[in-house]
Amino acid sequence: MNGPLIHPGEILNEEFLKPLGLSAIALAKLCNVPRTRFERVVAAKTAITPDTALRLSKALGTTPQFWMTLQTRYDLATTANRLDLDDIKPIKVA
């Protein structure tokens, strides 16, 4: 995959929390989750789960798909960087 790997937590922090003047702790309170959930997401130590995506979408006026797509793209890119798939030959489909 091309381009730098950007964890969804960086998007959350840079595009939402900072402009809104919110901390991860304040967002956690708004979303009724432990403070560590968003602290760990922002620190790129944990992934966006469907539960988190639903909460973020409600609180921030986005869609859950936005957050899940960011996470899926990140997961695919980080996994692709670790794998060597050169030995796998595509199956010819008639």
PDB file of N, CA and C in Angstrom:
ATOM      1  N   MET A   1       0.842  -1.169   0.000  1.00  0.00           N
ATOM      2  CA  MET A   1       0.000   0.000   0.000  1.00  0.00           C
ATOM      3  C   MET A   1       0.889   1.233   0.000  1.00  0.00           C
ATOM      4  N   ASN A   2       0.439   2.253  -0.662  1.00  0.00           N
ATOM      5  CA  ASN A   2       1.232   3.462  -0.819  1.00  0.00           C
ATOM      6  C   ASN A   2       0.894   4.496   0.241  1.00  0.00           C
ATOM      7  N   GLY A   3       1.859   5.380   0.471  1.00  0.00           N
ATOM      8  CA  GLY A   3       1.634   6.476   1.401  1.00  0.00           C
ATOM      9  C   GLY A   3       1.976   6.090   2.824  1.00  0.00           C
ATOM     10  N   PRO A   4       2.063   7.093   3.689  1.00  0.00           N
ATOM     11  CA  PRO A   4       2.400   6.832   5.083  1.00  0.00           C
ATOM     12  C   PRO A   4       1.237   6.151   5.805  1.00  0.00           C
ATOM     13  N   LEU A   5       1.588   5.337   6.773  1.00  0.00           N
ATOM     14  CA  LEU A   5       0.561   4.690   7.590  1.00  0.00           C
ATOM     15  C   LEU A   5       0.073   5.678   8.643  1.00  0.00           C
ATOM     16  N   ILE A   6      -1.199   5.929   8.629  1.00  0.00           N
ATOM     17  CA  ILE A   6      -1.786   6.847   9.604  1.00  0.00           C
ATOM     18  C   ILE A   6      -2.830   6.077  10.395  1.00  0.00           C
ATOM     19  N   HIS A   7      -2.587   5.955  11.683  1.00  0.00           N
ATOM     20  CA  HIS A   7      -3.527   5.268  12.569  1.00  0.00           C
ATOM     21  C   HIS A   7      -4.778   6.130  12.722  1.00  0.00           C
ATOM     22  N   PRO A   8      -5.952   5.507  12.812  1.00  0.00           N
ATOM     23  CA  PRO A   8      -7.183   6.285  13.003  1.00  0.00           C
ATOM     24  C   PRO A   8      -7.140   7.199  14.231  1.00  0.00           C
ATOM     25  N   GLY A   9      -6.364   6.821  15.223  1.00  0.00           N
ATOM     26  CA  GLY A   9      -6.234   7.665  16.407  1.00  0.00           C
ATOM     27  C   GLY A   9      -5.607   9.011  16.100  1.00  0.00           C
ATOM     28  N   GLU A  10      -4.705   9.030  15.125  1.00  0.00           N
ATOM     29  CA  GLU A  10      -4.103  10.305  14.716  1.00  0.00           C
ATOM     30  C   GLU A  10      -5.139  11.191  14.041  1.00  0.00           C
ATOM     31  N   ILE A  11      -5.994  10.588  13.233  1.00  0.00           N
ATOM     32  CA  ILE A  11      -7.094  11.338  12.594  1.00  0.00           C
ATOM     33  C   ILE A  11      -8.035  11.872  13.669  1.00  0.00           C
ATOM     34  N   LEU A  12      -8.383  11.016  14.612  1.00  0.00           N
ATOM     35  CA  LEU A  12      -9.261  11.431  15.703  1.00  0.00           C
ATOM     36  C   LEU A  12      -8.677  12.636  16.436  1.00  0.00           C
ATOM     37  N   ASN A  13      -7.413  12.551  16.768  1.00  0.00           N
ATOM     38  CA  ASN A  13      -6.772  13.614  17.526  1.00  0.00           C
ATOM     39  C   ASN A  13      -6.611  14.896  16.713  1.00  0.00           C
ATOM     40  N   GLU A  14      -6.048  14.780  15.514  1.00  0.00           N
ATOM     41  CA  GLU A  14      -5.700  15.961  14.721  1.00  0.00           C
ATOM     42  C   GLU A  14      -6.900  16.628  14.044  1.00  0.00           C
ATOM     43  N   GLU A  15      -7.859  15.833  13.613  1.00  0.00           N
ATOM     44  CA  GLU A  15      -8.989  16.377  12.846  1.00  0.00           C
ATOM     45  C   GLU A  15     -10.241  16.640  13.683  1.00  0.00           C
ATOM     46  N   PHE A  16     -10.286  16.058  14.874  1.00  0.00           N
ATOM     47  CA  PHE A  16     -11.492  16.228  15.689  1.00  0.00           C
ATOM     48  C   PHE A  16     -11.181  16.794  17.077  1.00  0.00           C
ATOM     49  N   LEU A  17     -10.376  16.091  17.861  1.00  0.00           N
ATOM     50  CA  LEU A  17     -10.168  16.524  19.243  1.00  0.00           C
ATOM     51  C   LEU A  17      -9.512  17.899  19.330  1.00  0.00           C
ATOM     52  N   LYS A  18      -8.385  18.081  18.658  1.00  0.00           N
ATOM     53  CA  LYS A  18      -7.690  19.381  18.738  1.00  0.00           C
ATOM     54  C   LYS A  18      -8.559  20.535  18.246  1.00  0.00           C
ATOM     55  N   PRO A  19      -9.171  20.426  17.050  1.00  0.00           N
ATOM     56  CA  PRO A  19     -10.008  21.552  16.600  1.00  0.00           C
ATOM     57  C   PRO A  19     -11.193  21.843  17.523  1.00  0.00           C
ATOM     58  N   LEU A  20     -11.707  20.798  18.168  1.00  0.00           N
ATOM     59  CA  LEU A  20     -12.843  20.993  19.061  1.00  0.00           C
ATOM     60  C   LEU A  20     -12.421  21.375  20.481  1.00  0.00           C
ATOM     61  N   GLY A  21     -11.127  21.343  20.736  1.00  0.00           N
ATOM     62  CA  GLY A  21     -10.640  21.649  22.076  1.00  0.00           C
ATOM     63  C   GLY A  21     -11.010  20.588  23.089  1.00  0.00           C
ATOM     64  N   LEU A  22     -11.103  19.345  22.630  1.00  0.00           N
ATOM     65  CA  LEU A  22     -11.464  18.223  23.506  1.00  0.00           C
ATOM     66  C   LEU A  22     -10.255  17.353  23.792  1.00  0.00           C
ATOM     67  N   SER A  23     -10.232  16.781  24.965  1.00  0.00           N
ATOM     68  CA  SER A  23      -9.230  15.774  25.288  1.00  0.00           C
ATOM     69  C   SER A  23      -9.842  14.397  25.070  1.00  0.00           C
ATOM     70  N   ALA A  24      -8.990  13.394  25.029  1.00  0.00           N
ATOM     71  CA  ALA A  24      -9.484  12.019  24.928  1.00  0.00           C
ATOM     72  C   ALA A  24     -10.348  11.674  26.141  1.00  0.00           C
ATOM     73  N   ILE A  25      -9.977  12.205  27.286  1.00  0.00           N
ATOM     74  CA  ILE A  25     -10.745  11.951  28.513  1.00  0.00           C
ATOM     75  C   ILE A  25     -12.138  12.570  28.415  1.00  0.00           C
ATOM     76  N   ALA A  26     -12.217  13.795  27.922  1.00  0.00           N
ATOM     77  CA  ALA A  26     -13.523  14.455  27.772  1.00  0.00           C
ATOM     78  C   ALA A  26     -14.401  13.700  26.783  1.00  0.00           C
ATOM     79  N   LEU A  27     -13.806  13.240  25.682  1.00  0.00           N
ATOM     80  CA  LEU A  27     -14.571  12.471  24.700  1.00  0.00           C
ATOM     81  C   LEU A  27     -15.062  11.160  25.307  1.00  0.00           C
ATOM     82  N   ALA A  28     -14.226  10.528  26.097  1.00  0.00           N
ATOM     83  CA  ALA A  28     -14.627   9.280  26.750  1.00  0.00           C
ATOM     84  C   ALA A  28     -15.831   9.504  27.662  1.00  0.00           C
ATOM     85  N   LYS A  29     -15.830  10.603  28.392  1.00  0.00           N
ATOM     86  CA  LYS A  29     -16.972  10.920  29.261  1.00  0.00           C
ATOM     87  C   LYS A  29     -18.235  11.108  28.429  1.00  0.00           C
ATOM     88  N   LEU A  30     -18.117  11.835  27.310  1.00  0.00           N
ATOM     89  CA  LEU A  30     -19.276  12.049  26.434  1.00  0.00           C
ATOM     90  C   LEU A  30     -19.818  10.746  25.868  1.00  0.00           C
ATOM     91  N   CYS A  31     -18.924   9.795  25.632  1.00  0.00           N
ATOM     92  CA  CYS A  31     -19.303   8.529  24.997  1.00  0.00           C
ATOM     93  C   CYS A  31     -19.572   7.412  25.997  1.00  0.00           C
ATOM     94  N   ASN A  32     -19.485   7.726  27.278  1.00  0.00           N
ATOM     95  CA  ASN A  32     -19.758   6.744  28.334  1.00  0.00           C
ATOM     96  C   ASN A  32     -18.859   5.511  28.252  1.00  0.00           C
ATOM     97  N   VAL A  33     -17.567   5.750  28.084  1.00  0.00           N
ATOM     98  CA  VAL A  33     -16.589   4.660  28.067  1.00  0.00           C
ATOM     99  C   VAL A  33     -15.446   5.022  29.005  1.00  0.00           C
ATOM    100  N   PRO A  34     -14.645   4.040  29.408  1.00  0.00           N
ATOM    101  CA  PRO A  34     -13.482   4.351  30.246  1.00  0.00           C
ATOM    102  C   PRO A  34     -12.533   5.305  29.515  1.00  0.00           C
ATOM    103  N   ARG A  35     -11.908   6.192  30.251  1.00  0.00           N
ATOM    104  CA  ARG A  35     -11.007   7.188  29.662  1.00  0.00           C
ATOM    105  C   ARG A  35      -9.898   6.549  28.864  1.00  0.00           C
ATOM    106  N   THR A  36      -9.482   5.367  29.274  1.00  0.00           N
ATOM    107  CA  THR A  36      -8.359   4.707  28.598  1.00  0.00           C
ATOM    108  C   THR A  36      -8.690   4.301  27.163  1.00  0.00           C
ATOM    109  N   ARG A  37      -9.967   4.132  26.852  1.00  0.00           N
ATOM    110  CA  ARG A  37     -10.308   3.705  25.492  1.00  0.00           C
ATOM    111  C   ARG A  37      -9.786   4.707  24.468  1.00  0.00           C
ATOM    112  N   PHE A  38     -10.125   5.967  24.611  1.00  0.00           N
ATOM    113  CA  PHE A  38      -9.703   6.959  23.623  1.00  0.00           C
ATOM    114  C   PHE A  38      -8.253   7.382  23.820  1.00  0.00           C
ATOM    115  N   GLU A  39      -7.761   7.312  25.045  1.00  0.00           N
ATOM    116  CA  GLU A  39      -6.335   7.574  25.247  1.00  0.00           C
ATOM    117  C   GLU A  39      -5.500   6.570  24.452  1.00  0.00           C
ATOM    118  N   ARG A  40      -5.895   5.304  24.487  1.00  0.00           N
ATOM    119  CA  ARG A  40      -5.157   4.253  23.770  1.00  0.00           C
ATOM    120  C   ARG A  40      -5.341   4.365  22.260  1.00  0.00           C
ATOM    121  N   VAL A  41      -6.524   4.745  21.811  1.00  0.00           N
ATOM    122  CA  VAL A  41      -6.739   4.934  20.370  1.00  0.00           C
ATOM    123  C   VAL A  41      -5.876   6.083  19.870  1.00  0.00           C
ATOM    124  N   VAL A  42      -5.899   7.218  20.557  1.00  0.00           N
ATOM    125  CA  VAL A  42      -5.119   8.382  20.142  1.00  0.00           C
ATOM    126  C   VAL A  42      -3.623   8.071  20.154  1.00  0.00           C
ATOM    127  N   ALA A  43      -3.187   7.234  21.073  1.00  0.00           N
ATOM    128  CA  ALA A  43      -1.773   6.849  21.157  1.00  0.00           C
ATOM    129  C   ALA A  43      -1.423   5.729  20.176  1.00  0.00           C
ATOM    130  N   ALA A  44      -2.379   5.309  19.353  1.00  0.00           N
ATOM    131  CA  ALA A  44      -2.183   4.233  18.364  1.00  0.00           C
ATOM    132  C   ALA A  44      -1.813   2.915  19.029  1.00  0.00           C
ATOM    133  N   LYS A  45      -2.347   2.697  20.224  1.00  0.00           N
ATOM    134  CA  LYS A  45      -2.080   1.448  20.943  1.00  0.00           C
ATOM    135  C   LYS A  45      -3.229   0.460  20.835  1.00  0.00           C
ATOM    136  N   THR A  46      -4.360   0.930  20.345  1.00  0.00           N
ATOM    137  CA  THR A  46      -5.502   0.038  20.177  1.00  0.00           C
ATOM    138  C   THR A  46      -6.289   0.462  18.945  1.00  0.00           C
ATOM    139  N   ALA A  47      -7.048  -0.488  18.426  1.00  0.00           N
ATOM    140  CA  ALA A  47      -7.802  -0.273  17.190  1.00  0.00           C
ATOM    141  C   ALA A  47      -9.186   0.306  17.478  1.00  0.00           C
ATOM    142  N   ILE A  48      -9.756   0.856  16.433  1.00  0.00           N
ATOM    143  CA  ILE A  48     -11.160   1.276  16.468  1.00  0.00           C
ATOM    144  C   ILE A  48     -12.004   0.018  16.297  1.00  0.00           C
ATOM    145  N   THR A  49     -12.853  -0.253  17.262  1.00  0.00           N
ATOM    146  CA  THR A  49     -13.769  -1.398  17.180  1.00  0.00           C
ATOM    147  C   THR A  49     -15.117  -0.907  16.656  1.00  0.00           C
ATOM    148  N   PRO A  50     -16.000  -1.817  16.256  1.00  0.00           N
ATOM    149  CA  PRO A  50     -17.335  -1.377  15.855  1.00  0.00           C
ATOM    150  C   PRO A  50     -18.043  -0.574  16.960  1.00  0.00           C
ATOM    151  N   ASP A  51     -17.889  -0.992  18.203  1.00  0.00           N
ATOM    152  CA  ASP A  51     -18.492  -0.265  19.322  1.00  0.00           C
ATOM    153  C   ASP A  51     -17.952   1.163  19.382  1.00  0.00           C
ATOM    154  N   THR A  52     -16.641   1.293  19.268  1.00  0.00           N
ATOM    155  CA  THR A  52     -16.015   2.615  19.302  1.00  0.00           C
ATOM    156  C   THR A  52     -16.446   3.449  18.101  1.00  0.00           C
ATOM    157  N   ALA A  53     -16.507   2.833  16.932  1.00  0.00           N
ATOM    158  CA  ALA A  53     -16.922   3.547  15.719  1.00  0.00           C
ATOM    159  C   ALA A  53     -18.339   4.103  15.866  1.00  0.00           C
ATOM    160  N   LEU A  54     -19.225   3.321  16.437  1.00  0.00           N
ATOM    161  CA  LEU A  54     -20.608   3.781  16.639  1.00  0.00           C
ATOM    162  C   LEU A  54     -20.655   4.955  17.610  1.00  0.00           C
ATOM    163  N   ARG A  55     -19.887   4.876  18.670  1.00  0.00           N
ATOM    164  CA  ARG A  55     -19.857   5.957  19.660  1.00  0.00           C
ATOM    165  C   ARG A  55     -19.243   7.233  19.074  1.00  0.00           C
ATOM    166  N   LEU A  56     -18.128   7.071  18.345  1.00  0.00           N
ATOM    167  CA  LEU A  56     -17.496   8.230  17.724  1.00  0.00           C
ATOM    168  C   LEU A  56     -18.415   8.887  16.703  1.00  0.00           C
ATOM    169  N   SER A  57     -19.099   8.076  15.922  1.00  0.00           N
ATOM    170  CA  SER A  57     -19.978   8.644  14.895  1.00  0.00           C
ATOM    171  C   SER A  57     -21.104   9.453  15.525  1.00  0.00           C
ATOM    172  N   LYS A  58     -21.642   8.957  16.610  1.00  0.00           N
ATOM    173  CA  LYS A  58     -22.725   9.668  17.303  1.00  0.00           C
ATOM    174  C   LYS A  58     -22.209  10.976  17.920  1.00  0.00           C
ATOM    175  N   ALA A  59     -21.066  10.913  18.570  1.00  0.00           N
ATOM    176  CA  ALA A  59     -20.530  12.082  19.259  1.00  0.00           C
ATOM    177  C   ALA A  59     -19.992  13.142  18.300  1.00  0.00           C
ATOM    178  N   LEU A  60     -19.406  12.694  17.177  1.00  0.00           N
ATOM    179  CA  LEU A  60     -18.703  13.625  16.305  1.00  0.00           C
ATOM    180  C   LEU A  60     -19.428  13.921  14.998  1.00  0.00           C
ATOM    181  N   GLY A  61     -20.608  13.346  14.812  1.00  0.00           N
ATOM    182  CA  GLY A  61     -21.385  13.627  13.614  1.00  0.00           C
ATOM    183  C   GLY A  61     -20.806  13.023  12.347  1.00  0.00           C
ATOM    184  N   THR A  62     -20.142  11.896  12.494  1.00  0.00           N
ATOM    185  CA  THR A  62     -19.597  11.182  11.341  1.00  0.00           C
ATOM    186  C   THR A  62     -20.430   9.921  11.135  1.00  0.00           C
ATOM    187  N   THR A  63     -19.910   9.000  10.373  1.00  0.00           N
ATOM    188  CA  THR A  63     -20.562   7.702  10.238  1.00  0.00           C
ATOM    189  C   THR A  63     -19.665   6.639  10.858  1.00  0.00           C
ATOM    190  N   PRO A  64     -20.241   5.542  11.304  1.00  0.00           N
ATOM    191  CA  PRO A  64     -19.389   4.457  11.805  1.00  0.00           C
ATOM    192  C   PRO A  64     -18.501   3.902  10.691  1.00  0.00           C
ATOM    193  N   GLN A  65     -18.990   3.934   9.464  1.00  0.00           N
ATOM    194  CA  GLN A  65     -18.210   3.435   8.334  1.00  0.00           C
ATOM    195  C   GLN A  65     -16.920   4.241   8.147  1.00  0.00           C
ATOM    196  N   PHE A  66     -16.983   5.537   8.410  1.00  0.00           N
ATOM    197  CA  PHE A  66     -15.783   6.373   8.311  1.00  0.00           C
ATOM    198  C   PHE A  66     -14.671   5.818   9.193  1.00  0.00           C
ATOM    199  N   TRP A  67     -14.999   5.539  10.449  1.00  0.00           N
ATOM    200  CA  TRP A  67     -14.009   5.044  11.401  1.00  0.00           C
ATOM    201  C   TRP A  67     -13.563   3.621  11.074  1.00  0.00           C
ATOM    202  N   MET A  68     -14.513   2.783  10.677  1.00  0.00           N
ATOM    203  CA  MET A  68     -14.149   1.400  10.358  1.00  0.00           C
ATOM    204  C   MET A  68     -13.300   1.332   9.091  1.00  0.00           C
ATOM    205  N   THR A  69     -13.572   2.206   8.129  1.00  0.00           N
ATOM    206  CA  THR A  69     -12.761   2.236   6.908  1.00  0.00           C
ATOM    207  C   THR A  69     -11.341   2.685   7.222  1.00  0.00           C
ATOM    208  N   LEU A  70     -11.194   3.713   8.053  1.00  0.00           N
ATOM    209  CA  LEU A  70      -9.856   4.127   8.467  1.00  0.00           C
ATOM    210  C   LEU A  70      -9.106   2.983   9.122  1.00  0.00           C
ATOM    211  N   GLN A  71      -9.791   2.251  10.002  1.00  0.00           N
ATOM    212  CA  GLN A  71      -9.135   1.152  10.712  1.00  0.00           C
ATOM    213  C   GLN A  71      -8.786   0.010   9.765  1.00  0.00           C
ATOM    214  N   THR A  72      -9.697  -0.333   8.867  1.00  0.00           N
ATOM    215  CA  THR A  72      -9.441  -1.412   7.919  1.00  0.00           C
ATOM    216  C   THR A  72      -8.262  -1.073   7.011  1.00  0.00           C
ATOM    217  N   ARG A  73      -8.228   0.140   6.504  1.00  0.00           N
ATOM    218  CA  ARG A  73      -7.106   0.560   5.651  1.00  0.00           C
ATOM    219  C   ARG A  73      -5.787   0.480   6.410  1.00  0.00           C
ATOM    220  N   TYR A  74      -5.781   0.921   7.655  1.00  0.00           N
ATOM    221  CA  TYR A  74      -4.579   0.864   8.470  1.00  0.00           C
ATOM    222  C   TYR A  74      -4.158  -0.589   8.704  1.00  0.00           C
ATOM    223  N   ASP A  75      -5.111  -1.431   9.053  1.00  0.00           N
ATOM    224  CA  ASP A  75      -4.809  -2.844   9.307  1.00  0.00           C
ATOM    225  C   ASP A  75      -4.268  -3.538   8.064  1.00  0.00           C
ATOM    226  N   LEU A  76      -4.878  -3.286   6.914  1.00  0.00           N
ATOM    227  CA  LEU A  76      -4.400  -3.891   5.668  1.00  0.00           C
ATOM    228  C   LEU A  76      -2.987  -3.426   5.336  1.00  0.00           C
ATOM    229  N   ALA A  77      -2.731  -2.144   5.499  1.00  0.00           N
ATOM    230  CA  ALA A  77      -1.410  -1.610   5.173  1.00  0.00           C
ATOM    231  C   ALA A  77      -0.337  -2.162   6.108  1.00  0.00           C
ATOM    232  N   THR A  78      -0.614  -2.189   7.401  1.00  0.00           N
ATOM    233  CA  THR A  78       0.393  -2.691   8.335  1.00  0.00           C
ATOM    234  C   THR A  78       0.631  -4.181   8.130  1.00  0.00           C
ATOM    235  N   THR A  79      -0.418  -4.927   7.824  1.00  0.00           N
ATOM    236  CA  THR A  79      -0.257  -6.358   7.571  1.00  0.00           C
ATOM    237  C   THR A  79       0.501  -6.591   6.274  1.00  0.00           C
ATOM    238  N   ALA A  80       0.177  -5.847   5.234  1.00  0.00           N
ATOM    239  CA  ALA A  80       0.862  -5.994   3.948  1.00  0.00           C
ATOM    240  C   ALA A  80       2.352  -5.701   4.094  1.00  0.00           C
ATOM    241  N   ASN A  81       2.708  -4.770   4.950  1.00  0.00           N
ATOM    242  CA  ASN A  81       4.116  -4.444   5.167  1.00  0.00           C
ATOM    243  C   ASN A  81       4.877  -5.572   5.855  1.00  0.00           C
ATOM    244  N   ARG A  82       4.171  -6.419   6.592  1.00  0.00           N
ATOM    245  CA  ARG A  82       4.819  -7.517   7.312  1.00  0.00           C
ATOM    246  C   ARG A  82       4.870  -8.811   6.512  1.00  0.00           C
ATOM    247  N   LEU A  83       4.008  -8.939   5.517  1.00  0.00           N
ATOM    248  CA  LEU A  83       3.894 -10.196   4.783  1.00  0.00           C
ATOM    249  C   LEU A  83       4.759 -10.221   3.534  1.00  0.00           C
ATOM    250  N   ASP A  84       5.221 -11.423   3.196  1.00  0.00           N
ATOM    251  CA  ASP A  84       5.877 -11.659   1.917  1.00  0.00           C
ATOM    252  C   ASP A  84       4.950 -12.592   1.139  1.00  0.00           C
ATOM    253  N   LEU A  85       4.270 -12.043   0.172  1.00  0.00           N
ATOM    254  CA  LEU A  85       3.288 -12.808  -0.595  1.00  0.00           C
ATOM    255  C   LEU A  85       3.800 -13.216  -1.973  1.00  0.00           C
ATOM    256  N   ASP A  86       5.095 -13.044  -2.202  1.00  0.00           N
ATOM    257  CA  ASP A  86       5.661 -13.307  -3.520  1.00  0.00           C
ATOM    258  C   ASP A  86       5.523 -14.764  -3.958  1.00  0.00           C
ATOM    259  N   ASP A  87       5.492 -15.695  -3.019  1.00  0.00           N
ATOM    260  CA  ASP A  87       5.394 -17.114  -3.363  1.00  0.00           C
ATOM    261  C   ASP A  87       3.979 -17.543  -3.733  1.00  0.00           C
ATOM    262  N   ILE A  88       3.003 -16.692  -3.518  1.00  0.00           N
ATOM    263  CA  ILE A  88       1.610 -17.047  -3.824  1.00  0.00           C
ATOM    264  C   ILE A  88       1.327 -16.675  -5.274  1.00  0.00           C
ATOM    265  N   LYS A  89       0.932 -17.685  -6.028  1.00  0.00           N
ATOM    266  CA  LYS A  89       0.614 -17.478  -7.443  1.00  0.00           C
ATOM    267  C   LYS A  89      -0.905 -17.386  -7.604  1.00  0.00           C
ATOM    268  N   PRO A  90      -1.380 -16.396  -8.341  1.00  0.00           N
ATOM    269  CA  PRO A  90      -2.814 -16.270  -8.562  1.00  0.00           C
ATOM    270  C   PRO A  90      -3.387 -17.462  -9.303  1.00  0.00           C
ATOM    271  N   ILE A  91      -4.585 -17.839  -8.950  1.00  0.00           N
ATOM    272  CA  ILE A  91      -5.298 -18.911  -9.642  1.00  0.00           C
ATOM    273  C   ILE A  91      -5.896 -18.336 -10.910  1.00  0.00           C
ATOM    274  N   LYS A  92      -5.715 -19.030 -12.005  1.00  0.00           N
ATOM    275  CA  LYS A  92      -6.292 -18.582 -13.278  1.00  0.00           C
ATOM    276  C   LYS A  92      -7.765 -18.966 -13.304  1.00  0.00           C
ATOM    277  N   VAL A  93      -8.611 -17.972 -13.456  1.00  0.00           N
ATOM    278  CA  VAL A  93     -10.054 -18.201 -13.519  1.00  0.00           C
ATOM    279  C   VAL A  93     -10.480 -18.052 -14.965  1.00  0.00           C
ATOM    280  N   ALA A  94     -11.183 -19.080 -15.448  1.00  0.00           N
ATOM    281  CA  ALA A  94     -11.587 -19.068 -16.867  1.00  0.00           C
ATOM    282  C   ALA A  94     -12.728 -18.125 -17.099  1.00  0.00           C
TER     283      ALA A  94
END
